[in-house]
Protein backbone atom coordinates (compact mmCIF):
# COMPACT_ATOMS: atom_id res chain seq x y z
CA MET A 1 -0.17 -0.08 -0.06
CA LEU A 2 1.20 3.54 -0.26
CA ASP A 3 1.57 4.56 3.07
CA ASP A 4 3.51 7.79 4.03
CA GLU A 5 4.67 6.14 7.69
CA TYR A 6 5.81 2.85 6.54
CA GLN A 7 6.38 2.80 2.75
CA TYR A 8 9.90 1.04 1.54
CA SER A 9 10.96 2.51 -1.74
CA ILE A 10 12.05 -0.08 -4.17
CA GLU A 11 15.50 1.59 -4.14
CA ARG A 12 15.60 1.11 -0.51
CA TRP A 13 14.56 -2.84 -0.65
CA ALA A 14 17.21 -2.77 -3.60
CA THR A 15 19.80 -1.82 -1.01
CA GLU A 16 18.68 -3.99 1.48
CA ILE A 17 18.32 -7.47 -0.44
CA GLY A 18 21.22 -6.58 -2.96
CA SER A 19 21.51 -6.36 -6.59
CA LYS A 20 22.91 -9.90 -6.78
CA ASN A 21 19.54 -11.04 -5.63
CA MET A 22 17.21 -9.79 -8.24
CA LEU A 23 16.52 -10.53 -11.72
CA ILE A 24 14.18 -7.93 -12.30
CA ASN A 25 13.47 -4.57 -10.18
CA TRP A 26 10.69 -2.07 -11.64
CA SER A 27 8.35 0.07 -10.25
CA GLY A 28 6.59 3.24 -11.14
CA ASN A 29 5.73 3.70 -14.75
CA ARG A 30 8.22 0.80 -16.12
CA VAL A 31 5.75 -1.36 -14.41
CA PRO A 32 2.98 -2.67 -16.62
CA TYR A 33 -0.96 -1.30 -16.02
CA PRO A 34 -3.60 -2.94 -17.80
CA LYS A 35 -6.61 -1.38 -17.87
CA ASP A 36 -8.62 -4.68 -16.90
CA ALA A 37 -8.91 -4.18 -13.37
CA ARG A 38 -8.96 -7.43 -12.80
CA PHE A 39 -5.22 -7.78 -13.71
CA ARG A 40 -3.96 -4.94 -11.63
CA ALA A 41 -4.08 -3.69 -8.07
CA LYS A 42 -6.37 -0.65 -6.69
CA ASP A 43 -4.89 2.80 -7.26
CA SER A 44 -3.74 2.69 -3.55
CA VAL A 45 -1.25 0.00 -3.79
CA GLY A 46 2.19 1.31 -5.21
CA ARG A 47 3.54 -0.04 -8.67
CA LEU A 48 6.31 -2.80 -8.54
CA SER A 49 7.52 -5.78 -10.04
CA PHE A 50 10.29 -7.74 -8.48
CA GLY A 51 12.28 -10.81 -9.49
CA PHE A 52 14.24 -12.50 -7.07
CA TRP A 53 17.34 -14.58 -8.62
CA THR A 54 19.62 -15.57 -5.74
CA PRO A 55 22.78 -17.46 -6.32
CA PHE A 56 21.29 -20.32 -4.89
CA GLN A 57 18.45 -19.97 -7.62
CA GLN A 58 20.84 -19.45 -10.30
CA GLU A 59 22.69 -22.43 -9.66
CA MET A 60 19.93 -24.18 -9.60
CA TRP A 61 18.99 -23.22 -13.11
CA LYS A 62 22.26 -24.63 -14.01
CA VAL A 63 20.87 -27.67 -12.39
CA PHE A 64 17.64 -28.15 -14.24
CA ILE A 65 19.25 -27.21 -17.43
CA THR A 66 21.87 -29.75 -17.24
CA GLN A 67 20.28 -32.64 -15.39
CA ASP A 68 17.34 -34.97 -16.40
CA VAL A 69 15.32 -33.81 -12.96
CA GLY A 70 11.64 -33.90 -14.40
CA PRO A 71 9.58 -31.08 -15.60
CA CYS A 72 9.19 -27.49 -14.03
CA TYR A 73 6.47 -25.78 -13.01
CA LEU A 74 4.96 -22.11 -13.35
CA ASP A 75 2.64 -21.20 -10.47
CA ALA A 76 0.67 -17.58 -9.07
CA VAL A 77 -0.55 -17.31 -5.63
CA PHE A 78 -2.56 -13.97 -4.00
CA GLY A 79 -4.57 -11.71 -6.20
CA PHE A 80 -4.83 -8.36 -6.92
CA GLU A 81 -7.81 -7.48 -5.19
CA LYS A 82 -7.31 -8.84 -1.88
CA SER A 83 -3.91 -8.85 -1.76
CA GLY A 84 -2.75 -5.85 -3.74
CA PHE A 85 -0.29 -8.25 -5.80
CA LEU A 86 0.18 -11.35 -7.76
CA MET A 87 3.40 -13.87 -6.93
CA TRP A 88 4.72 -16.19 -9.99
CA THR A 89 7.00 -18.97 -8.94
CA LEU A 90 8.70 -21.09 -11.61
CA PHE A 91 10.16 -23.84 -9.55
CA PHE A 92 10.94 -27.59 -10.23
CA GLU A 93 11.49 -30.77 -7.94
CA TYR A 94 14.58 -32.56 -7.12
CA GLY A 95 14.45 -35.58 -5.03
CA GLY A 96 11.18 -34.77 -4.21
CA MET A 97 12.00 -31.60 -2.83
CA THR A 98 10.49 -28.22 -4.14
CA VAL A 99 13.31 -25.70 -5.33
CA PRO A 100 12.17 -22.43 -6.44
CA VAL A 101 13.96 -21.01 -9.57
CA SER A 102 12.56 -17.73 -9.47
CA PHE A 103 9.96 -15.48 -7.70
CA LEU A 104 7.92 -12.45 -9.83
CA ILE A 105 6.16 -10.30 -6.86
CA THR A 106 4.14 -7.53 -9.07
CA THR A 107 1.30 -5.47 -8.45
CA SER A 108 -0.01 -5.85 -12.03
CA VAL A 109 0.38 -8.34 -14.95
CA THR A 110 0.59 -8.67 -18.42
CA THR A 111 1.67 -11.22 -20.66
CA ARG A 112 4.24 -9.07 -21.94
CA LEU A 113 5.72 -8.84 -18.27
CA LEU A 114 5.65 -12.39 -17.83
CA SER A 115 7.47 -12.68 -20.92
CA ASP A 116 10.02 -10.51 -20.08
CA TRP A 117 10.57 -12.21 -16.67
CA LEU A 118 10.93 -15.68 -18.54
CA ALA A 119 13.27 -14.47 -20.82
CA GLU A 120 15.44 -13.30 -18.15
CA ILE A 121 15.79 -16.54 -16.85
CA ALA A 122 16.09 -18.15 -20.33
CA MET A 123 19.02 -15.85 -20.94
CA ALA A 124 21.06 -16.84 -17.56
CA GLY A 125 21.73 -20.50 -19.64
CA PRO A 126 23.34 -21.56 -22.76
CA SER A 127 22.14 -19.94 -25.95
CA ASP A 128 21.01 -23.48 -27.16
CA LEU A 129 18.73 -24.60 -24.09
CA PRO A 130 17.67 -28.05 -24.13
CA LYS A 131 14.25 -29.07 -24.32
CA ARG A 132 12.27 -29.46 -21.38
CA THR A 133 8.73 -29.70 -20.15
CA MET A 134 6.73 -27.33 -18.21
CA TYR A 135 3.34 -27.26 -16.58
CA VAL A 136 1.48 -24.44 -16.41
CA ASN A 137 -1.57 -22.67 -14.25
CA THR A 138 -3.44 -21.60 -17.33
CA MET A 139 -4.27 -21.96 -21.11
CA LYS A 140 -3.24 -18.53 -21.69
CA ALA A 141 0.16 -19.12 -20.54
CA TYR A 142 1.01 -21.26 -23.72
CA ASP A 143 1.33 -18.18 -25.71
CA PHE A 144 4.09 -16.11 -23.45
CA VAL A 145 5.97 -19.22 -22.64
CA VAL A 146 6.47 -20.66 -25.98
CA SER A 147 7.74 -17.51 -27.01
CA VAL A 148 10.42 -17.75 -25.07
CA PHE A 149 11.21 -21.12 -24.99
CA SER A 150 10.44 -22.11 -28.38
CA ASP A 151 10.69 -25.90 -28.51
CA TRP A 152 9.87 -26.77 -24.91
CA ASP A 153 6.45 -28.82 -24.13
CA VAL A 154 4.17 -27.05 -22.34
CA ARG A 155 1.30 -28.56 -20.65
CA TYR A 156 -1.61 -27.82 -18.50
CA ALA A 157 -1.17 -28.98 -15.18
CA LYS A 158 -3.94 -30.98 -13.40
CA TYR A 159 -4.04 -29.39 -10.26
CA TYR A 160 -5.60 -26.48 -11.36
CA ILE A 161 -8.09 -28.79 -13.66
CA THR A 162 -9.37 -30.15 -10.29
CA GLN A 163 -9.34 -27.29 -8.05
CA GLU A 164 -11.44 -25.51 -10.78
CA LEU A 165 -14.14 -28.07 -10.81
CA ARG A 166 -14.19 -28.32 -6.96
CA GLN A 167 -14.32 -24.73 -6.62
CA LEU A 168 -17.35 -24.51 -9.12
CA VAL A 169 -19.34 -27.68 -8.15
CA LEU A 170 -18.33 -28.09 -4.31
CA ARG A 171 -19.35 -24.58 -3.75
CA SER A 172 -22.85 -24.84 -5.25
CA ASP A 173 -26.11 -26.35 -4.38
CA ALA A 174 -26.70 -26.27 -8.67
CA TYR A 175 -25.30 -29.90 -9.26
CA GLY A 176 -26.77 -32.98 -8.35
CA LYS A 177 -25.25 -35.95 -6.12
CA GLU A 178 -24.17 -37.87 -9.19
CA VAL A 179 -21.92 -34.72 -10.34
CA VAL A 180 -20.78 -33.72 -7.01
CA GLU A 181 -19.27 -37.69 -6.55
CA HIS A 182 -17.28 -37.20 -9.65
CA VAL A 183 -15.59 -34.32 -8.80
CA ARG A 184 -14.41 -35.59 -5.27
CA VAL A 185 -12.93 -38.18 -6.72
CA VAL A 186 -11.41 -36.24 -10.25
CA ASN A 187 -8.13 -36.05 -8.71
CA THR A 188 -7.78 -39.70 -8.34
CA GLN A 189 -9.68 -41.01 -11.00
CA PHE A 190 -9.11 -38.53 -13.55
CA ALA A 191 -9.85 -39.83 -17.10
CA GLY A 192 -13.85 -41.46 -16.23
CA ALA A 193 -14.54 -38.57 -13.93
CA PHE A 194 -13.53 -36.17 -16.58
CA ARG A 195 -15.34 -37.79 -19.23
CA ALA A 196 -18.78 -37.76 -17.03
CA LEU A 197 -18.26 -34.37 -16.23
CA ARG A 198 -17.59 -32.91 -19.70
CA ILE A 199 -21.24 -34.18 -20.96
CA VAL A 200 -22.86 -32.06 -18.27
CA GLU A 201 -24.74 -29.05 -19.68
CA GLY A 202 -23.94 -26.84 -16.72
CA LEU A 203 -20.30 -27.19 -16.65
CA ALA A 204 -19.90 -27.64 -20.35
CA VAL A 205 -20.82 -23.66 -20.75
CA LYS A 206 -19.17 -22.36 -17.76
CA MET A 207 -15.78 -24.68 -18.54
CA LYS A 208 -16.31 -24.17 -22.50
CA TYR A 209 -12.21 -23.38 -22.23
CA LEU A 210 -11.10 -26.02 -20.58
CA PHE A 211 -13.24 -28.85 -22.14
CA THR A 212 -12.83 -27.69 -26.28
CA LYS A 213 -9.14 -27.43 -25.75
CA SER A 214 -9.12 -30.78 -24.07
CA GLU A 215 -7.23 -32.17 -26.80
CA ASP A 216 -4.16 -29.83 -26.61
CA TRP A 217 -3.17 -30.72 -23.11
CA MET A 218 -4.81 -34.24 -22.31
CA PRO A 219 -2.06 -36.47 -21.89
CA LYS A 220 -1.23 -39.01 -24.99
CA ASN A 221 0.67 -41.87 -23.65
CA LYS A 222 1.72 -43.71 -20.31
CA ALA A 223 4.92 -41.18 -19.87
CA GLU A 224 2.73 -38.33 -20.10
CA VAL A 225 -0.33 -39.48 -17.58
CA SER A 226 2.47 -40.48 -15.00
CA LEU A 227 4.04 -36.75 -15.70
CA PHE A 228 0.26 -34.97 -15.95
CA GLU A 229 -0.91 -36.96 -12.56
CA HIS A 230 2.37 -36.35 -10.80
CA SER A 231 1.86 -32.19 -11.50
CA SER A 232 -1.54 -32.64 -8.76
CA GLY A 233 1.29 -33.78 -6.35
CA ALA A 234 4.11 -31.28 -7.09
CA ILE A 235 1.71 -28.08 -6.93
CA SER A 236 0.46 -29.05 -3.70
CA ARG A 237 3.70 -29.70 -2.38
CA TRP A 238 4.53 -26.48 -3.02
CA ARG A 239 1.44 -24.34 -2.30
CA TYR A 240 1.71 -26.47 1.15
CA LEU A 241 5.24 -25.07 1.81
CA LEU A 242 4.57 -21.82 0.75
CA TRP A 243 0.74 -21.43 2.83
CA MET A 244 2.79 -22.90 5.70
CA THR A 245 5.74 -20.47 5.94
CA MET A 246 3.06 -17.78 5.19
CA LEU A 247 0.71 -18.52 7.89
CA GLY A 248 1.57 -15.22 10.15
CA HIS A 249 1.43 -12.70 7.14
CA SER A 250 -0.59 -9.75 7.89
CA THR A 251 -3.69 -9.58 5.29
CA VAL A 252 -3.10 -6.03 4.50
CA GLN A 253 -1.94 -5.23 0.98
CA ARG A 254 1.90 -4.58 2.18
CA ILE A 255 3.95 -6.08 -0.43
CA ASP A 256 7.22 -5.77 1.62
CA LEU A 257 6.38 -7.88 3.75
CA VAL A 258 5.89 -10.80 1.35
CA LEU A 259 9.21 -9.49 0.00
CA TYR A 260 10.38 -10.48 3.93
CA TYR A 261 9.13 -13.88 3.82
CA VAL A 262 10.61 -14.86 0.46
CA HIS A 263 14.02 -13.26 1.13
CA ALA A 264 14.89 -14.13 4.65
CA VAL A 265 12.76 -17.35 5.32
CA ILE A 266 11.53 -19.18 2.24
CA LEU A 267 14.69 -19.12 0.16
CA PRO A 268 17.41 -19.22 2.86
CA GLY A 269 14.81 -22.49 4.04
CA VAL A 270 15.10 -24.23 0.47
CA GLU A 271 18.72 -23.76 0.24
CA GLY A 272 19.47 -24.94 3.74
CA ALA A 273 17.20 -27.90 3.10
CA TYR A 274 18.91 -28.85 -0.20
CA THR A 275 22.74 -28.47 1.09
CA ARG A 276 22.04 -30.59 4.01
CA PHE A 277 19.45 -33.86 3.13
CA VAL A 278 19.21 -33.48 -0.77
CA ASP A 279 20.62 -37.23 -2.63
CA ARG A 280 21.35 -36.27 -5.40
CA SER A 281 21.45 -39.82 -6.71
CA SER A 282 17.62 -39.96 -6.47
CA ALA A 283 17.14 -36.73 -8.31
CA HIS A 284 15.34 -37.86 -11.28
CA GLU A 285 12.58 -39.79 -9.45
CA LEU A 286 9.19 -38.32 -8.98
CA VAL A 287 8.06 -38.64 -5.27
CA PRO A 288 4.04 -39.07 -4.77
CA PHE A 289 2.59 -36.34 -2.74
CA SER A 290 -1.42 -35.95 -1.91
CA MET A 291 -3.22 -33.45 -0.19
CA ASP A 292 -6.57 -34.66 -1.11
CA GLU A 293 -7.43 -35.05 2.31
CA MET A 294 -6.66 -31.54 3.09
CA GLU A 295 -7.63 -29.94 -0.33
CA TYR A 296 -9.70 -26.96 -0.53
CA GLY A 297 -13.12 -28.60 -1.23
CA GLY A 298 -12.11 -32.15 -0.25
CA SER A 299 -13.62 -32.33 3.00
CA PRO A 300 -16.07 -35.18 3.76
CA SER A 301 -17.38 -32.40 6.08
CA HIS A 302 -18.67 -30.44 3.17
CA GLU A 303 -21.45 -33.58 2.15
CA THR A 304 -23.87 -32.20 5.29
CA ARG A 305 -23.16 -28.38 5.12
CA ARG A 306 -25.56 -26.05 3.71
CA LYS A 307 -24.77 -22.24 2.96
CA ARG A 308 -27.41 -19.16 2.96
CA HIS A 309 -26.84 -15.76 2.28
CA LEU A 310 -27.63 -13.51 4.78
CA GLY A 311 -27.04 -10.18 2.70
CA GLY A 312 -23.92 -8.29 2.46
CA SER A 313 -20.71 -9.96 3.47
CA LEU A 314 -22.88 -12.35 6.01
CA VAL A 315 -23.23 -16.28 5.76
CA CYS A 316 -25.41 -18.71 8.10
CA LEU A 317 -24.32 -22.34 7.61
CA THR A 318 -26.26 -25.09 8.71
CA GLU A 319 -25.55 -28.84 9.27
CA ASP A 320 -27.78 -31.57 7.91
CA ASN A 321 -27.42 -33.88 10.60
CA GLU A 322 -27.69 -30.70 13.35
CA PRO A 323 -30.54 -28.45 11.55
CA LEU A 324 -30.64 -26.35 14.43
CA LEU A 325 -27.41 -25.80 14.94
CA LYS A 326 -26.12 -22.27 12.81
CA VAL A 327 -23.43 -20.37 12.89
CA ILE A 328 -22.69 -17.15 11.47
CA VAL A 329 -19.53 -16.05 9.18
CA ASP A 330 -18.33 -12.84 8.35
CA LEU A 331 -16.79 -13.46 4.57
CA GLU A 332 -15.55 -9.61 4.90
CA LEU A 333 -13.77 -9.71 8.16
CA GLN A 334 -13.12 -13.31 7.91
CA VAL A 335 -14.52 -14.32 11.19
CA CYS A 336 -16.94 -16.78 12.74
CA PHE A 337 -19.24 -16.58 15.39
CA CYS A 338 -18.66 -19.90 16.68
CA GLU A 339 -16.69 -20.74 20.34
CA MET A 340 -13.85 -22.65 17.94
CA PHE A 341 -12.85 -19.34 16.08
CA ARG A 342 -13.21 -17.53 19.57
CA VAL A 343 -10.52 -19.55 21.19
CA ASN A 344 -8.06 -20.88 18.14
CA LYS A 345 -9.16 -17.96 15.23
CA ILE A 346 -9.60 -20.45 12.70
CA CYS A 347 -12.50 -22.67 12.37
CA HIS A 348 -14.24 -25.56 10.44
CA HIS A 349 -16.86 -23.08 9.13
CA LEU A 350 -14.56 -20.23 7.96
CA VAL A 351 -11.99 -22.66 5.80
CA TYR A 352 -15.13 -23.71 4.29
CA CYS A 353 -16.62 -20.48 3.46
CA LEU A 354 -13.19 -18.69 2.46
CA PRO A 355 -12.05 -18.77 -1.01
CA SER A 356 -8.52 -20.36 -1.52
CA ALA A 357 -6.20 -17.41 -1.73
CA VAL A 358 -3.00 -19.17 -1.17
CA HIS A 359 -4.09 -22.62 0.27
CA TYR A 360 -6.36 -23.58 2.98
CA PRO A 361 -5.71 -27.35 4.59
CA GLU A 362 -8.13 -28.27 6.85
CA LEU A 363 -6.50 -26.77 9.75
CA PRO A 364 -9.37 -26.88 12.49
CA ARG A 365 -8.99 -31.28 12.14
CA VAL A 366 -5.43 -30.69 12.51
CA LEU A 367 -5.81 -28.21 15.40
CA GLN A 368 -8.30 -30.49 17.50
CA GLU A 369 -6.14 -32.99 17.16
CA ILE A 370 -2.79 -31.39 18.75
CA PRO A 371 -3.19 -32.01 22.88
CA THR A 372 -3.25 -29.08 24.68
CA ALA A 373 0.29 -27.85 26.26
């Protein structure tokens, strides 16, 4: 936010973090500002695009392009309307460990900005980059990724397909039990569930861009199916790591807080873990990882929960098995008027109602299982 008392200038951050850790360092009019409000922060947020490129990340980029460590992944978290910025991450996995190659933290985004960011990374390697596979978070990413890595195999990650279906169906009462069940098992039984869902009239319209282009992203052989399936676990692993690391960050629109977490917490943590624990002989192996029990939309408790909007930001939740038990959630203030929230500042009801800004595991279930110290 533009804050006279606390605002850091980009020059101040450049000095504190150091030029050797930066790939892009843009502010003010150098940052793209698209007309479409969906792709930029509000006017109260300063213009900033900041790319991390530490010596460790540079070393890992060389590892990625010289060794057979599997595909890389392009992910974006947070949001302009709520957070005031978007954070893009290019990462790969090394022996089951998430290794972020670069971060782009920006208050607005265009395909040109993303192309420039990836081009800066590409230029750090040899002129004849070997062919690699990249899993992306949107069909629109095909264009700007291919403009930089022309020979690379660009694919749509399974994680985003399953999450979009869960977001659309499991938060609505518009679909029958059969459709809901297909969505619940789409991550583990993808092929059959997806075939059944693509003929559902309501879904076919709302997710037309996904269904009509399925021939472009659908895996064609056994090897592609294996990588496609693994893409869901790889991105879940990264988002869980990010969510748990930044659990205590303030929700105010302050980019300096996020710069701190990336610079002082995430990157040193990854580098330390890589240095101490990675078995370099197993870097090529795909290590399974599943977040189905903790994923947004994946809790069995959602089967019996009903949501009714009361006007404004208030929502009333009831349980089928306890129809007289009602709780009120305020979506704007992100509070729930129940005893568990009063004590723990988190509860099942709030997790159910809130969209997944970064990652909302089923925290209340975990909290209940931890003994009181």
